[in-house]
Amino acid sequence: MAKKEKIKNLFDNIAPDYDKLNHILSLNIDKGWRKKAVREIVDCDKPLTVLDVACGTGDFTIEICKKATEGSRVTGIDLSEGMMKVGREKIKAAGMCATLEYGDCEALEYPDNTFDRISVGFGVRNFEHLDIGLKEMHRVLKPGGKLVILELSVPSNPIIRWCYKLYFLNILPAIGGMISGDKGAYKYLPASVLHFPAPDKFIPMMYKAGFSKVIHKAFTLGICRMYVGIK
């Protein structure tokens, strides 16, 4: 089974418990990271067209909608209908106007130069072919448009890294498996963080995909990183 299909099935299975577990296991720190990223995305007063890639249950999509200027158009895409079903309910409850639809980040069904901004919140590490996904996002961005990526990361400090691995490789799978009934999913999630390219590898990948002026910021001792690239 291709990684793409495995990812779809994994997130469909854990969708009902994903939000609860996500906030418990991150101690709600993820909400602050998203707010910082949203400020980078919604950085002007004009209406924006925004594509939220790997939108999942819509947390990032909703935060972007809340801050975007009236007249903005926000679209979220994901492989998992289970996650988006939860997301659509949340968007409706929040009174936001956003569309969530099936979409493959490696074959985006949008014309060139469509979006002012593209966001990816904690989903880029799940891309099957990261280089293709980056090139596709670059293609559908307008000239001067901005890509903002939030992703979990392994801290560089050796003591913090040891504690991080202890938590993510042992405690997180146990808690996640107990609550969701799918321990395998919560083994995959931390493992995917460990295998994601470090900044010195990922930033050159963004440049190779065509982005310029790539910047990188580390949050909370390097547990999370934000990457910003301009087309």
C-alpha atoms as a PDB file:
ATOM      1  CA  MET A   1       0.000   0.000   0.000  1.00  0.00           C
ATOM      2  CA  ALA A   2       1.360   3.446  -0.953  1.00  0.00           C
ATOM      3  CA  LYS A   3       2.195   5.859   1.850  1.00  0.00           C
ATOM      4  CA  LYS A   4      -0.568   8.169   0.642  1.00  0.00           C
ATOM      5  CA  GLU A   5      -3.234   5.507   1.132  1.00  0.00           C
ATOM      6  CA  LYS A   6      -1.809   4.517   4.525  1.00  0.00           C
ATOM      7  CA  ILE A   7      -1.910   8.152   5.680  1.00  0.00           C
ATOM      8  CA  LYS A   8      -5.507   8.522   4.519  1.00  0.00           C
ATOM      9  CA  ASN A   9      -6.592   5.389   6.381  1.00  0.00           C
ATOM     10  CA  LEU A  10      -4.617   6.304   9.496  1.00  0.00           C
ATOM     11  CA  PHE A  11      -6.220   9.732   9.848  1.00  0.00           C
ATOM     12  CA  ASP A  12      -9.689   8.446   8.956  1.00  0.00           C
ATOM     13  CA  ASN A  13      -9.345   5.998  11.859  1.00  0.00           C
ATOM     14  CA  ILE A  14      -8.230   8.513  14.487  1.00  0.00           C
ATOM     15  CA  ALA A  15     -10.348  11.470  13.294  1.00  0.00           C
ATOM     16  CA  PRO A  16     -13.000  11.271  16.087  1.00  0.00           C
ATOM     17  CA  ASP A  17     -10.369  11.590  18.850  1.00  0.00           C
ATOM     18  CA  TYR A  18      -7.710  13.575  16.993  1.00  0.00           C
ATOM     19  CA  ASP A  19      -8.475  17.071  18.293  1.00  0.00           C
ATOM     20  CA  LYS A  20      -8.829  15.992  21.912  1.00  0.00           C
ATOM     21  CA  LEU A  21      -5.593  14.021  21.817  1.00  0.00           C
ATOM     22  CA  ASN A  22      -3.724  16.659  19.847  1.00  0.00           C
ATOM     23  CA  HIS A  23      -4.380  19.368  22.419  1.00  0.00           C
ATOM     24  CA  ILE A  24      -3.811  17.091  25.422  1.00  0.00           C
ATOM     25  CA  LEU A  25      -0.530  15.703  24.137  1.00  0.00           C
ATOM     26  CA  SER A  26       0.791  19.109  23.061  1.00  0.00           C
ATOM     27  CA  LEU A  27      -0.408  20.746  26.315  1.00  0.00           C
ATOM     28  CA  ASN A  28      -2.265  23.240  24.066  1.00  0.00           C
ATOM     29  CA  ILE A  29       1.042  24.822  23.037  1.00  0.00           C
ATOM     30  CA  ASP A  30       0.082  24.147  19.401  1.00  0.00           C
ATOM     31  CA  LYS A  31      -2.556  26.890  19.590  1.00  0.00           C
ATOM     32  CA  GLY A  32       0.112  29.529  20.201  1.00  0.00           C
ATOM     33  CA  TRP A  33       2.212  28.250  17.310  1.00  0.00           C
ATOM     34  CA  ARG A  34      -0.759  28.531  14.964  1.00  0.00           C
ATOM     35  CA  LYS A  35      -1.467  32.103  16.041  1.00  0.00           C
ATOM     36  CA  LYS A  36       2.102  33.107  15.181  1.00  0.00           C
ATOM     37  CA  ALA A  37       1.831  31.450  11.785  1.00  0.00           C
ATOM     38  CA  VAL A  38      -1.537  33.090  11.074  1.00  0.00           C
ATOM     39  CA  ARG A  39       0.019  36.521  11.670  1.00  0.00           C
ATOM     40  CA  GLU A  40       2.537  35.635   8.961  1.00  0.00           C
ATOM     41  CA  ILE A  41      -0.235  34.506   6.598  1.00  0.00           C
ATOM     42  CA  VAL A  42      -2.695  37.346   7.172  1.00  0.00           C
ATOM     43  CA  ASP A  43      -0.162  40.158   6.950  1.00  0.00           C
ATOM     44  CA  CYS A  44      -2.198  42.756   5.035  1.00  0.00           C
ATOM     45  CA  ASP A  45      -5.652  44.359   4.992  1.00  0.00           C
ATOM     46  CA  LYS A  46      -6.688  43.255   1.504  1.00  0.00           C
ATOM     47  CA  PRO A  47      -8.829  40.143   0.846  1.00  0.00           C
ATOM     48  CA  LEU A  48      -6.706  37.054   0.259  1.00  0.00           C
ATOM     49  CA  THR A  49      -7.180  33.722  -1.478  1.00  0.00           C
ATOM     50  CA  VAL A  50      -5.724  31.107   0.861  1.00  0.00           C
ATOM     51  CA  LEU A  51      -5.167  27.373   0.407  1.00  0.00           C
ATOM     52  CA  ASP A  52      -4.711  25.383   3.617  1.00  0.00           C
ATOM     53  CA  VAL A  53      -2.992  22.147   2.568  1.00  0.00           C
ATOM     54  CA  ALA A  54      -3.386  19.022   4.731  1.00  0.00           C
ATOM     55  CA  CYS A  55      -6.086  20.920   6.614  1.00  0.00           C
ATOM     56  CA  GLY A  56      -7.183  17.937   8.716  1.00  0.00           C
ATOM     57  CA  THR A  57      -9.896  18.930  11.194  1.00  0.00           C
ATOM     58  CA  GLY A  58      -9.612  22.580  10.237  1.00  0.00           C
ATOM     59  CA  ASP A  59      -7.911  24.219  13.234  1.00  0.00           C
ATOM     60  CA  PHE A  60      -5.526  26.201  11.008  1.00  0.00           C
ATOM     61  CA  THR A  61      -8.271  26.904   8.456  1.00  0.00           C
ATOM     62  CA  ILE A  62     -10.535  28.374  11.133  1.00  0.00           C
ATOM     63  CA  GLU A  63      -7.794  30.560  12.634  1.00  0.00           C
ATOM     64  CA  ILE A  64      -6.974  31.951   9.181  1.00  0.00           C
ATOM     65  CA  CYS A  65     -10.674  32.700   8.537  1.00  0.00           C
ATOM     66  CA  LYS A  66     -10.965  34.546  11.847  1.00  0.00           C
ATOM     67  CA  LYS A  67      -8.108  36.923  11.009  1.00  0.00           C
ATOM     68  CA  ALA A  68      -8.545  37.288   7.240  1.00  0.00           C
ATOM     69  CA  THR A  69     -10.038  40.471   5.825  1.00  0.00           C
ATOM     70  CA  GLU A  70     -13.687  40.345   4.771  1.00  0.00           C
ATOM     71  CA  GLY A  71     -13.948  39.058   1.226  1.00  0.00           C
ATOM     72  CA  SER A  72     -11.092  36.601   1.624  1.00  0.00           C
ATOM     73  CA  ARG A  73     -11.564  33.065   0.301  1.00  0.00           C
ATOM     74  CA  VAL A  74     -10.135  30.196   2.339  1.00  0.00           C
ATOM     75  CA  THR A  75     -10.044  26.623   1.025  1.00  0.00           C
ATOM     76  CA  GLY A  76      -8.748  23.599   2.896  1.00  0.00           C
ATOM     77  CA  ILE A  77      -7.723  20.348   1.235  1.00  0.00           C
ATOM     78  CA  ASP A  78      -6.899  16.943   2.696  1.00  0.00           C
ATOM     79  CA  LEU A  79      -6.777  13.265   1.795  1.00  0.00           C
ATOM     80  CA  SER A  80      -8.840  12.213   4.811  1.00  0.00           C
ATOM     81  CA  GLU A  81     -12.601  12.613   4.530  1.00  0.00           C
ATOM     82  CA  GLY A  82     -12.870  11.531   8.168  1.00  0.00           C
ATOM     83  CA  MET A  83     -10.774  14.476   9.335  1.00  0.00           C
ATOM     84  CA  MET A  84     -12.593  16.926   7.070  1.00  0.00           C
ATOM     85  CA  LYS A  85     -15.982  15.731   8.306  1.00  0.00           C
ATOM     86  CA  VAL A  86     -14.939  16.848  11.795  1.00  0.00           C
ATOM     87  CA  GLY A  87     -13.500  20.036  10.324  1.00  0.00           C
ATOM     88  CA  ARG A  88     -16.702  20.976   8.483  1.00  0.00           C
ATOM     89  CA  GLU A  89     -18.683  20.636  11.696  1.00  0.00           C
ATOM     90  CA  LYS A  90     -16.188  22.865  13.517  1.00  0.00           C
ATOM     91  CA  ILE A  91     -16.267  25.496  10.770  1.00  0.00           C
ATOM     92  CA  LYS A  92     -20.064  25.575  10.878  1.00  0.00           C
ATOM     93  CA  ALA A  93     -20.079  25.843  14.688  1.00  0.00           C
ATOM     94  CA  ALA A  94     -17.548  28.691  14.543  1.00  0.00           C
ATOM     95  CA  GLY A  95     -19.670  30.574  12.003  1.00  0.00           C
ATOM     96  CA  MET A  96     -16.788  30.735   9.560  1.00  0.00           C
ATOM     97  CA  CYS A  97     -16.954  30.644   5.771  1.00  0.00           C
ATOM     98  CA  ALA A  98     -14.441  28.146   4.403  1.00  0.00           C
ATOM     99  CA  THR A  99     -14.555  25.164   2.079  1.00  0.00           C
ATOM    100  CA  LEU A 100     -12.902  21.819   2.835  1.00  0.00           C
ATOM    101  CA  GLU A 101     -12.452  19.468  -0.114  1.00  0.00           C
ATOM    102  CA  TYR A 102     -10.512  16.381  -1.076  1.00  0.00           C
ATOM    103  CA  GLY A 103      -7.140  17.262  -2.531  1.00  0.00           C
ATOM    104  CA  ASP A 104      -3.759  15.691  -3.182  1.00  0.00           C
ATOM    105  CA  CYS A 105      -0.876  18.049  -2.408  1.00  0.00           C
ATOM    106  CA  GLU A 106       1.236  16.356  -5.078  1.00  0.00           C
ATOM    107  CA  ALA A 107      -1.355  16.927  -7.826  1.00  0.00           C
ATOM    108  CA  LEU A 108      -3.225  20.112  -6.968  1.00  0.00           C
ATOM    109  CA  GLU A 109      -6.304  20.624  -9.124  1.00  0.00           C
ATOM    110  CA  TYR A 110      -5.874  24.388  -9.411  1.00  0.00           C
ATOM    111  CA  PRO A 111      -4.479  26.540 -12.218  1.00  0.00           C
ATOM    112  CA  ASP A 112      -1.063  28.180 -11.961  1.00  0.00           C
ATOM    113  CA  ASN A 113      -0.929  31.412  -9.947  1.00  0.00           C
ATOM    114  CA  THR A 114      -4.238  30.923  -8.094  1.00  0.00           C
ATOM    115  CA  PHE A 115      -3.526  31.676  -4.414  1.00  0.00           C
ATOM    116  CA  ASP A 116      -2.071  34.610  -2.465  1.00  0.00           C
ATOM    117  CA  ARG A 117      -1.116  32.381   0.470  1.00  0.00           C
ATOM    118  CA  ILE A 118      -0.658  28.673   1.120  1.00  0.00           C
ATOM    119  CA  SER A 119      -0.454  27.205   4.615  1.00  0.00           C
ATOM    120  CA  VAL A 120       0.473  23.746   5.872  1.00  0.00           C
ATOM    121  CA  GLY A 121      -0.003  23.055   9.569  1.00  0.00           C
ATOM    122  CA  PHE A 122       1.735  19.910  10.843  1.00  0.00           C
ATOM    123  CA  GLY A 123       1.079  17.997   7.633  1.00  0.00           C
ATOM    124  CA  VAL A 124       4.057  18.472   5.358  1.00  0.00           C
ATOM    125  CA  ARG A 125       5.911  15.575   6.970  1.00  0.00           C
ATOM    126  CA  ASN A 126       3.152  13.271   5.716  1.00  0.00           C
ATOM    127  CA  PHE A 127       3.764  14.100   2.047  1.00  0.00           C
ATOM    128  CA  GLU A 128       4.761  10.977   0.150  1.00  0.00           C
ATOM    129  CA  HIS A 129       7.019  12.955  -2.208  1.00  0.00           C
ATOM    130  CA  LEU A 130       8.020  16.144  -0.411  1.00  0.00           C
ATOM    131  CA  ASP A 131       9.824  17.658  -3.398  1.00  0.00           C
ATOM    132  CA  ILE A 132       6.766  17.250  -5.636  1.00  0.00           C
ATOM    133  CA  GLY A 133       4.443  18.708  -3.000  1.00  0.00           C
ATOM    134  CA  LEU A 134       6.652  21.795  -2.626  1.00  0.00           C
ATOM    135  CA  LYS A 135       6.786  22.319  -6.398  1.00  0.00           C
ATOM    136  CA  GLU A 136       3.019  21.983  -6.698  1.00  0.00           C
ATOM    137  CA  MET A 137       2.426  24.560  -3.963  1.00  0.00           C
ATOM    138  CA  HIS A 138       4.884  26.893  -5.665  1.00  0.00           C
ATOM    139  CA  ARG A 139       3.051  26.422  -8.980  1.00  0.00           C
ATOM    140  CA  VAL A 140      -0.381  27.444  -7.671  1.00  0.00           C
ATOM    141  CA  LEU A 141       0.915  30.457  -5.727  1.00  0.00           C
ATOM    142  CA  LYS A 142       0.670  33.851  -7.373  1.00  0.00           C
ATOM    143  CA  PRO A 143       3.944  35.701  -8.029  1.00  0.00           C
ATOM    144  CA  GLY A 144       4.862  37.342  -4.744  1.00  0.00           C
ATOM    145  CA  GLY A 145       2.647  34.862  -2.883  1.00  0.00           C
ATOM    146  CA  LYS A 146       3.713  33.262   0.358  1.00  0.00           C
ATOM    147  CA  LEU A 147       3.946  29.692   1.651  1.00  0.00           C
ATOM    148  CA  VAL A 148       3.851  29.271   5.446  1.00  0.00           C
ATOM    149  CA  ILE A 149       4.638  25.860   6.924  1.00  0.00           C
ATOM    150  CA  LEU A 150       4.368  24.839  10.575  1.00  0.00           C
ATOM    151  CA  GLU A 151       5.937  21.511  11.470  1.00  0.00           C
ATOM    152  CA  LEU A 152       7.028  19.634  14.552  1.00  0.00           C
ATOM    153  CA  SER A 153      10.747  19.188  14.917  1.00  0.00           C
ATOM    154  CA  VAL A 154      13.449  17.483  16.950  1.00  0.00           C
ATOM    155  CA  PRO A 155      15.160  19.977  19.314  1.00  0.00           C
ATOM    156  CA  SER A 156      18.876  20.500  18.725  1.00  0.00           C
ATOM    157  CA  ASN A 157      19.797  20.738  22.421  1.00  0.00           C
ATOM    158  CA  PRO A 158      20.874  17.189  23.436  1.00  0.00           C
ATOM    159  CA  ILE A 159      19.183  17.243  26.874  1.00  0.00           C
ATOM    160  CA  ILE A 160      15.914  18.626  25.487  1.00  0.00           C
ATOM    161  CA  ARG A 161      16.170  16.160  22.601  1.00  0.00           C
ATOM    162  CA  TRP A 162      16.534  13.205  25.006  1.00  0.00           C
ATOM    163  CA  CYS A 163      13.422  14.282  26.961  1.00  0.00           C
ATOM    164  CA  TYR A 164      11.566  14.919  23.717  1.00  0.00           C
ATOM    165  CA  LYS A 165      12.312  11.454  22.350  1.00  0.00           C
ATOM    166  CA  LEU A 166      11.368   9.834  25.665  1.00  0.00           C
ATOM    167  CA  TYR A 167       7.980  11.534  25.544  1.00  0.00           C
ATOM    168  CA  PHE A 168       7.278  11.169  21.830  1.00  0.00           C
ATOM    169  CA  LEU A 169       8.495   7.611  21.385  1.00  0.00           C
ATOM    170  CA  ASN A 170       7.151   6.112  24.616  1.00  0.00           C
ATOM    171  CA  ILE A 171       4.597   8.208  26.503  1.00  0.00           C
ATOM    172  CA  LEU A 172       2.710   9.650  23.523  1.00  0.00           C
ATOM    173  CA  PRO A 173       2.021   6.277  21.802  1.00  0.00           C
ATOM    174  CA  ALA A 174       0.825   4.792  25.093  1.00  0.00           C
ATOM    175  CA  ILE A 175      -1.613   7.633  25.847  1.00  0.00           C
ATOM    176  CA  GLY A 176      -2.709   8.028  22.237  1.00  0.00           C
ATOM    177  CA  GLY A 177      -3.254   4.301  21.825  1.00  0.00           C
ATOM    178  CA  MET A 178      -5.199   4.029  25.071  1.00  0.00           C
ATOM    179  CA  ILE A 179      -7.612   6.853  24.183  1.00  0.00           C
ATOM    180  CA  SER A 180      -7.961   6.266  20.433  1.00  0.00           C
ATOM    181  CA  GLY A 181      -7.536   2.506  20.362  1.00  0.00           C
ATOM    182  CA  ASP A 182      -4.931   2.884  17.614  1.00  0.00           C
ATOM    183  CA  LYS A 183      -1.457   2.699  19.142  1.00  0.00           C
ATOM    184  CA  GLY A 184       0.075   2.202  15.699  1.00  0.00           C
ATOM    185  CA  ALA A 185      -1.074   5.637  14.573  1.00  0.00           C
ATOM    186  CA  TYR A 186       0.543   7.264  17.587  1.00  0.00           C
ATOM    187  CA  LYS A 187       3.764   5.402  16.893  1.00  0.00           C
ATOM    188  CA  TYR A 188       3.764   6.656  13.305  1.00  0.00           C
ATOM    189  CA  LEU A 189       3.168  10.310  14.211  1.00  0.00           C
ATOM    190  CA  PRO A 190       6.310  10.813  16.359  1.00  0.00           C
ATOM    191  CA  ALA A 191       8.367   8.633  14.025  1.00  0.00           C
ATOM    192  CA  SER A 192       7.373  10.896  11.128  1.00  0.00           C
ATOM    193  CA  VAL A 193       8.751  13.889  13.049  1.00  0.00           C
ATOM    194  CA  LEU A 194      12.084  12.139  13.616  1.00  0.00           C
ATOM    195  CA  HIS A 195      12.376  11.352   9.901  1.00  0.00           C
ATOM    196  CA  PHE A 196      11.459  14.827   8.639  1.00  0.00           C
ATOM    197  CA  PRO A 197      14.436  16.774   7.211  1.00  0.00           C
ATOM    198  CA  ALA A 198      16.214  19.146   9.575  1.00  0.00           C
ATOM    199  CA  PRO A 199      16.242  22.872   8.647  1.00  0.00           C
ATOM    200  CA  ASP A 200      19.618  22.613   6.908  1.00  0.00           C
ATOM    201  CA  LYS A 201      18.104  20.013   4.576  1.00  0.00           C
ATOM    202  CA  PHE A 202      14.538  21.324   4.255  1.00  0.00           C
ATOM    203  CA  ILE A 203      15.367  24.962   3.476  1.00  0.00           C
ATOM    204  CA  PRO A 204      17.438  23.978   0.385  1.00  0.00           C
ATOM    205  CA  MET A 205      14.479  21.833  -0.732  1.00  0.00           C
ATOM    206  CA  MET A 206      12.254  24.921  -0.635  1.00  0.00           C
ATOM    207  CA  TYR A 207      14.754  26.899  -2.690  1.00  0.00           C
ATOM    208  CA  LYS A 208      15.022  24.044  -5.189  1.00  0.00           C
ATOM    209  CA  ALA A 209      11.222  24.036  -5.553  1.00  0.00           C
ATOM    210  CA  GLY A 210      11.448  27.675  -6.644  1.00  0.00           C
ATOM    211  CA  PHE A 211      10.879  29.654  -3.450  1.00  0.00           C
ATOM    212  CA  SER A 212      12.974  32.698  -2.603  1.00  0.00           C
ATOM    213  CA  LYS A 213      13.612  34.596   0.620  1.00  0.00           C
ATOM    214  CA  VAL A 214      13.073  31.474   2.708  1.00  0.00           C
ATOM    215  CA  ILE A 215      13.093  32.180   6.446  1.00  0.00           C
ATOM    216  CA  HIS A 216      12.926  29.800   9.395  1.00  0.00           C
ATOM    217  CA  LYS A 217      11.896  30.343  13.007  1.00  0.00           C
ATOM    218  CA  ALA A 218      12.068  27.879  15.899  1.00  0.00           C
ATOM    219  CA  PHE A 219       9.391  27.885  18.619  1.00  0.00           C
ATOM    220  CA  THR A 220       9.438  26.358  22.116  1.00  0.00           C
ATOM    221  CA  LEU A 221      13.066  25.165  22.198  1.00  0.00           C
ATOM    222  CA  GLY A 222      12.840  23.894  18.629  1.00  0.00           C
ATOM    223  CA  ILE A 223       9.848  21.583  19.181  1.00  0.00           C
ATOM    224  CA  CYS A 224       8.073  23.415  16.373  1.00  0.00           C
ATOM    225  CA  ARG A 225       9.455  25.298  13.370  1.00  0.00           C
ATOM    226  CA  MET A 226       7.943  27.746  10.928  1.00  0.00           C
ATOM    227  CA  TYR A 227       9.200  28.001   7.363  1.00  0.00           C
ATOM    228  CA  VAL A 228       8.189  30.892   5.101  1.00  0.00           C
ATOM    229  CA  GLY A 229       8.935  31.049   1.391  1.00  0.00           C
ATOM    230  CA  ILE A 230       8.064  33.692  -1.222  1.00  0.00           C
ATOM    231  CA  LYS A 231       7.360  32.882  -4.866  1.00  0.00           C
END
